[in-house]
Protein backbone atom coordinates (compact mmCIF):
# COMPACT_ATOMS: atom_id res chain seq x y z
CA MET A 1 83.81 97.13 132.39
CA SER A 2 87.12 96.45 129.93
CA LEU A 3 87.31 93.03 131.77
CA ALA A 4 83.48 92.39 131.16
CA ALA A 5 83.55 93.09 127.43
CA ASP A 6 87.85 90.90 126.94
CA SER A 7 85.12 87.98 128.55
CA GLY A 8 82.61 87.84 126.43
CA LEU A 9 84.44 88.13 123.76
CA ALA A 10 86.40 85.36 124.91
CA LEU A 11 83.19 82.91 125.55
CA PHE A 12 81.28 84.23 122.27
CA ALA A 13 84.58 83.01 120.72
CA GLY A 14 85.55 79.76 122.33
CA LEU A 15 88.65 80.95 123.45
CA ASN A 16 90.42 78.86 126.05
CA ALA A 17 91.62 82.16 127.97
CA ILE A 18 90.83 85.71 127.53
CA PRO A 19 92.21 87.75 124.56
CA LYS A 20 95.68 90.69 125.46
CA LYS A 21 95.65 93.90 124.14
CA SER A 22 98.71 93.41 121.54
CA PHE A 23 99.37 91.34 118.88
CA SER A 24 102.66 90.77 121.02
CA ARG A 25 101.24 89.31 123.76
CA VAL A 26 99.40 87.44 122.81
CA LEU A 27 99.83 82.77 122.24
CA HIS A 28 98.56 81.68 118.48
CA ARG A 29 96.14 79.74 120.44
CA LEU A 30 93.92 79.41 117.60
CA GLU A 31 94.28 78.38 114.21
CA ARG A 32 92.91 78.89 110.73
CA ARG A 33 90.43 75.92 110.84
CA HIS A 34 88.84 78.13 114.64
CA THR A 35 88.56 81.41 112.12
CA LEU A 36 86.46 78.89 109.20
CA ARG A 37 84.58 77.34 112.02
CA LEU A 38 83.70 80.04 113.16
CA LEU A 39 82.44 82.36 110.06
CA GLY A 40 80.82 79.03 108.35
CA ALA A 41 78.79 79.70 111.52
CA TRP A 42 78.27 83.15 110.78
CA GLN A 43 77.60 82.65 107.14
CA ASP A 44 75.17 79.61 107.72
CA LYS A 45 72.71 82.28 110.12
CA LEU A 46 73.14 85.11 107.82
CA ALA A 47 71.80 83.55 104.62
CA GLY A 48 69.55 80.82 106.25
CA GLY A 49 67.43 84.84 107.33
CA ASP A 50 68.01 85.97 103.35
CA ILE A 51 71.06 88.85 104.96
CA VAL A 52 73.38 87.76 102.28
CA THR A 53 72.99 86.75 98.99
CA GLY A 54 75.64 87.49 97.01
CA GLU A 55 73.88 89.20 94.90
CA SER A 56 76.80 91.86 94.15
CA VAL A 57 79.58 90.98 97.21
CA ASN A 58 82.40 93.97 98.03
CA LEU A 59 85.84 92.77 98.55
CA ASP A 60 89.29 94.54 99.56
CA PHE A 61 92.61 94.46 101.69
CA HIS A 62 92.76 96.55 103.93
CA SER A 63 96.18 96.95 105.58
CA LEU A 64 95.85 97.44 109.66
CA PRO A 65 99.32 98.55 111.33
CA TYR A 66 101.37 97.38 114.29
CA ALA A 67 103.27 100.28 115.78
CA GLY A 68 105.47 97.82 118.06
CA GLU A 69 108.16 95.96 116.59
CA HIS A 70 107.95 91.94 115.83
CA PRO A 71 109.63 89.78 113.54
CA THR A 72 107.39 88.10 112.11
CA LEU A 73 104.98 91.29 110.65
CA GLU A 74 105.58 92.11 106.73
CA LYS A 75 105.42 95.22 105.69
CA HIS A 76 102.38 96.38 103.53
CA PHE A 77 101.37 99.68 102.14
CA VAL A 78 98.45 101.57 104.57
CA ALA A 79 96.80 103.70 102.50
CA MET A 80 95.43 106.56 105.27
CA ARG A 81 99.91 107.21 106.25
CA SER A 82 100.39 106.80 102.02
CA ARG A 83 103.70 104.56 103.37
CA ARG A 84 104.67 100.83 104.00
CA GLN A 85 104.78 99.46 107.69
CA PRO A 86 104.30 96.97 109.24
CA SER A 87 100.96 95.69 109.41
CA ILE A 88 98.29 93.21 109.12
CA LEU A 89 96.90 92.60 106.11
CA ALA A 90 93.38 91.56 106.27
CA PHE A 91 90.74 90.39 103.14
CA LEU A 92 86.88 91.50 103.78
CA ALA A 93 84.03 90.81 101.39
CA GLN A 94 81.20 92.67 102.31
CA ASP A 95 77.71 91.50 100.73
CA ALA A 96 76.59 95.40 98.94
CA ARG A 97 72.71 94.97 99.37
CA SER A 98 73.03 94.69 103.36
CA ASN A 99 76.63 95.99 103.75
CA VAL A 100 77.40 92.93 106.37
CA PHE A 101 81.24 91.30 106.01
CA CYS A 102 80.71 87.80 105.65
CA TYR A 103 84.09 86.75 104.60
CA SER A 104 87.63 87.63 106.42
CA ASN A 105 91.28 86.77 106.02
CA ALA A 106 93.97 87.94 108.64
CA ASP A 107 96.83 85.40 107.96
CA LEU A 108 97.71 86.43 104.51
CA ARG A 109 101.62 86.64 102.99
CA LYS A 110 103.64 88.23 100.60
CA GLY A 111 103.20 86.10 97.12
CA GLU A 112 99.60 85.18 98.58
CA GLU A 113 97.12 87.52 97.45
CA SER A 114 95.96 86.94 94.01
CA GLU A 115 94.54 83.72 95.68
CA GLU A 116 92.69 84.67 98.10
CA VAL A 117 89.90 85.03 95.96
CA PHE A 118 89.12 81.81 95.04
CA ARG A 119 89.43 80.84 98.78
CA PHE A 120 86.62 83.11 98.98
CA LEU A 121 84.69 81.51 96.30
CA ASP A 122 85.44 77.48 97.48
CA PHE A 123 84.53 79.20 101.32
CA TRP A 124 80.96 80.66 99.38
CA LYS A 125 80.45 77.61 97.89
CA GLU A 126 80.76 75.30 101.06
CA HIS A 127 77.74 77.87 102.38
CA HIS A 128 76.27 78.20 99.35
CA ASN A 129 74.65 74.20 98.55
CA GLY A 130 77.33 75.38 95.56
CA ALA A 131 76.30 78.20 93.78
CA LEU A 132 78.73 80.73 93.32
CA PRO A 133 77.92 84.56 93.88
CA ARG A 134 76.77 86.48 91.14
CA GLU A 135 79.05 89.13 91.00
CA LEU A 136 82.16 90.99 92.45
CA VAL A 137 83.78 94.50 92.68
CA PHE A 138 87.26 94.83 93.70
CA ASP A 139 90.18 96.91 93.06
CA SER A 140 93.36 96.76 90.25
CA LYS A 141 95.60 94.56 93.39
CA LEU A 142 92.65 91.93 94.62
CA THR A 143 94.06 89.91 91.45
CA THR A 144 96.22 89.34 88.32
CA HIS A 145 95.48 88.76 84.76
CA SER A 146 95.42 85.13 85.13
CA GLY A 147 93.13 85.41 88.45
CA LEU A 148 90.94 87.72 85.77
CA ALA A 149 90.61 84.29 83.68
CA ARG A 150 89.66 82.26 85.76
CA LEU A 151 87.55 84.41 87.35
CA ASP A 152 85.99 83.83 84.32
CA SER A 153 86.05 80.26 82.73
CA LEU A 154 84.63 79.94 86.06
CA GLY A 155 81.21 81.85 84.54
CA VAL A 156 81.48 84.57 88.32
CA PRO A 157 80.58 88.02 87.25
CA PHE A 158 83.25 91.18 88.10
CA ILE A 159 84.04 94.56 87.39
CA THR A 160 86.87 95.71 88.85
CA LEU A 161 89.93 99.07 88.59
CA ARG A 162 92.82 98.08 86.01
CA ARG A 163 96.18 100.30 86.95
CA ARG A 164 96.62 103.13 85.04
CA ASP A 165 100.40 102.65 82.67
CA LYS A 166 102.04 105.06 80.40
CA ARG A 167 100.12 103.13 77.47
CA LEU A 168 96.86 103.76 78.36
CA LEU A 169 97.20 106.92 79.24
CA ALA A 170 98.45 108.13 76.38
CA GLU A 171 95.03 105.14 74.92
CA ALA A 172 92.83 107.96 76.79
CA GLN A 173 94.50 110.83 75.82
CA VAL A 174 94.70 110.26 71.82
CA LEU A 175 90.49 109.64 71.64
CA PRO A 176 88.66 111.86 69.92
CA ALA A 177 85.73 114.00 71.56
CA SER A 178 83.00 112.17 69.48
CA ALA A 179 84.50 108.78 70.97
CA TRP A 180 83.37 110.23 74.68
CA ARG A 181 79.85 110.17 75.64
CA VAL A 182 78.51 111.64 78.19
CA VAL A 183 76.36 109.10 81.05
CA ALA A 184 74.26 110.68 84.22
CA LEU A 185 75.32 108.12 87.48
CA ASP A 186 70.99 107.82 89.20
CA HIS A 187 71.27 106.81 93.23
CA VAL A 188 74.36 108.20 93.59
CA THR A 189 74.94 110.70 95.99
CA ARG A 190 78.52 112.11 94.59
CA GLU A 191 79.85 115.51 93.35
CA PHE A 192 80.08 114.10 89.30
CA ARG A 193 77.54 111.95 88.40
CA THR A 194 77.72 113.01 84.64
CA PRO A 195 81.02 111.18 83.62
CA ARG A 196 82.38 110.74 79.71
CA VAL A 197 82.55 107.48 78.42
CA PHE A 198 84.45 105.10 76.07
CA GLU A 199 83.83 101.53 75.71
CA GLN A 200 86.09 98.80 73.79
CA MET A 201 86.96 95.41 74.12
CA VAL A 202 90.28 94.50 75.05
CA THR A 203 92.07 90.71 75.58
CA LEU A 204 93.93 89.34 78.75
CA ALA A 205 95.19 86.12 79.29
CA ASN A 206 93.40 84.68 75.99
CA HIS A 207 89.75 86.19 77.48
CA PRO A 208 87.91 89.29 75.87
CA PHE A 209 86.82 91.81 78.70
CA ARG A 210 84.43 95.19 78.66
CA GLN A 211 87.33 97.83 78.61
CA LEU A 212 85.88 101.21 79.83
CA PHE A 213 87.55 104.55 79.71
CA ILE A 214 86.23 106.85 82.17
CA GLU A 215 86.40 110.59 82.57
CA ASP A 216 84.89 113.34 84.71
CA LEU A 217 84.86 111.85 87.84
CA GLY A 218 86.82 114.25 90.31
CA HIS A 219 90.42 112.73 88.73
CA GLU A 220 92.63 114.49 86.85
CA GLU A 221 93.54 110.49 85.19
CA PRO A 222 90.42 109.14 83.85
CA THR A 223 89.20 105.95 85.82
CA ILE A 224 89.69 102.65 84.09
CA LEU A 225 87.06 99.87 84.92
CA LEU A 226 87.16 96.46 83.78
CA THR A 227 84.78 93.51 83.30
CA ASN A 228 83.03 90.32 81.94
CA GLN A 229 79.90 91.31 82.61
CA THR A 230 78.65 91.92 78.40
CA ARG A 231 74.82 92.89 79.43
CA ARG A 232 74.81 95.43 82.21
CA ARG A 233 76.63 98.12 80.35
CA GLN A 234 74.76 100.87 82.34
CA ALA A 235 74.39 99.06 85.41
CA ALA A 236 77.90 98.21 85.42
CA ARG A 237 79.30 101.85 86.05
CA HIS A 238 76.54 103.06 88.06
CA ARG A 239 77.91 99.96 90.39
CA TYR A 240 81.17 100.61 90.62
CA ALA A 241 80.44 104.73 91.18
CA GLN A 242 79.09 103.68 94.71
CA ARG A 243 82.27 100.66 94.64
CA MET A 244 83.81 104.17 95.43
CA LEU A 245 82.45 104.29 98.55
CA ILE A 246 83.15 101.30 99.85
CA GLU A 247 86.30 101.70 100.86
CA ASN A 248 85.85 104.57 103.44
CA ALA A 249 83.46 102.39 105.20
CA PHE A 250 86.05 99.69 105.30
CA SER A 251 88.37 101.46 107.23
CA ASP A 252 85.32 102.42 109.34
CA ALA A 253 84.37 98.90 110.56
CA VAL A 254 88.14 97.66 110.82
CA ARG A 255 88.52 100.62 113.27
CA PHE A 256 85.34 99.32 115.14
CA PHE A 257 86.77 96.42 115.50
CA THR A 258 90.13 97.53 116.23
């Protein structure tokens, strides 16, 4: 049965040989352009059936650990093991409404991470008649402040985490109690549904963004959100509250395929 499954996968992907069970034993028969053709056909099918609309897209990196020895594999941080080890860094895009994966890239090298979101946007425009996603949701490691400014210049709405540095944490600690307001998170199945929020405008890379300090979410330190959306104030908080569960879903999906 395993041979039949591997044969079916090889035929579906257009391979001329059955894949080996480990990376170190397979030859490099496929190039990135071949993968993009397959992803493009998948994307066209999904868009034609109105399954993937781009109303909101979850983006994330995921490290796939490798236990053997291979000279070409770089070390990346593997969250499930809380350490850096030889692994394959994959970029994943998932439609938030349908939970369908619509793009991936497992051929990333160190130093290329911040540009992958723009390669995804180029891919998306090619298969959606030049249109861009209506919202991107991702964490702080996906791109740089300059990358956020580029997204804003392109008119792509986004919600992201901001890294907690000492200056931001100190700023949150000195805020008076009257500066915070309690909000209710609707349609979110989690224990902490009434966080305290403080909003302000900040400038990064010469672009203005909304910054939200959020406490009482079950963490010792405040969560810091950054967005270029100025009108969807309450919706932005609710949307990222849902995004907090996505990392586990990504891990489960990757384990299923690997």
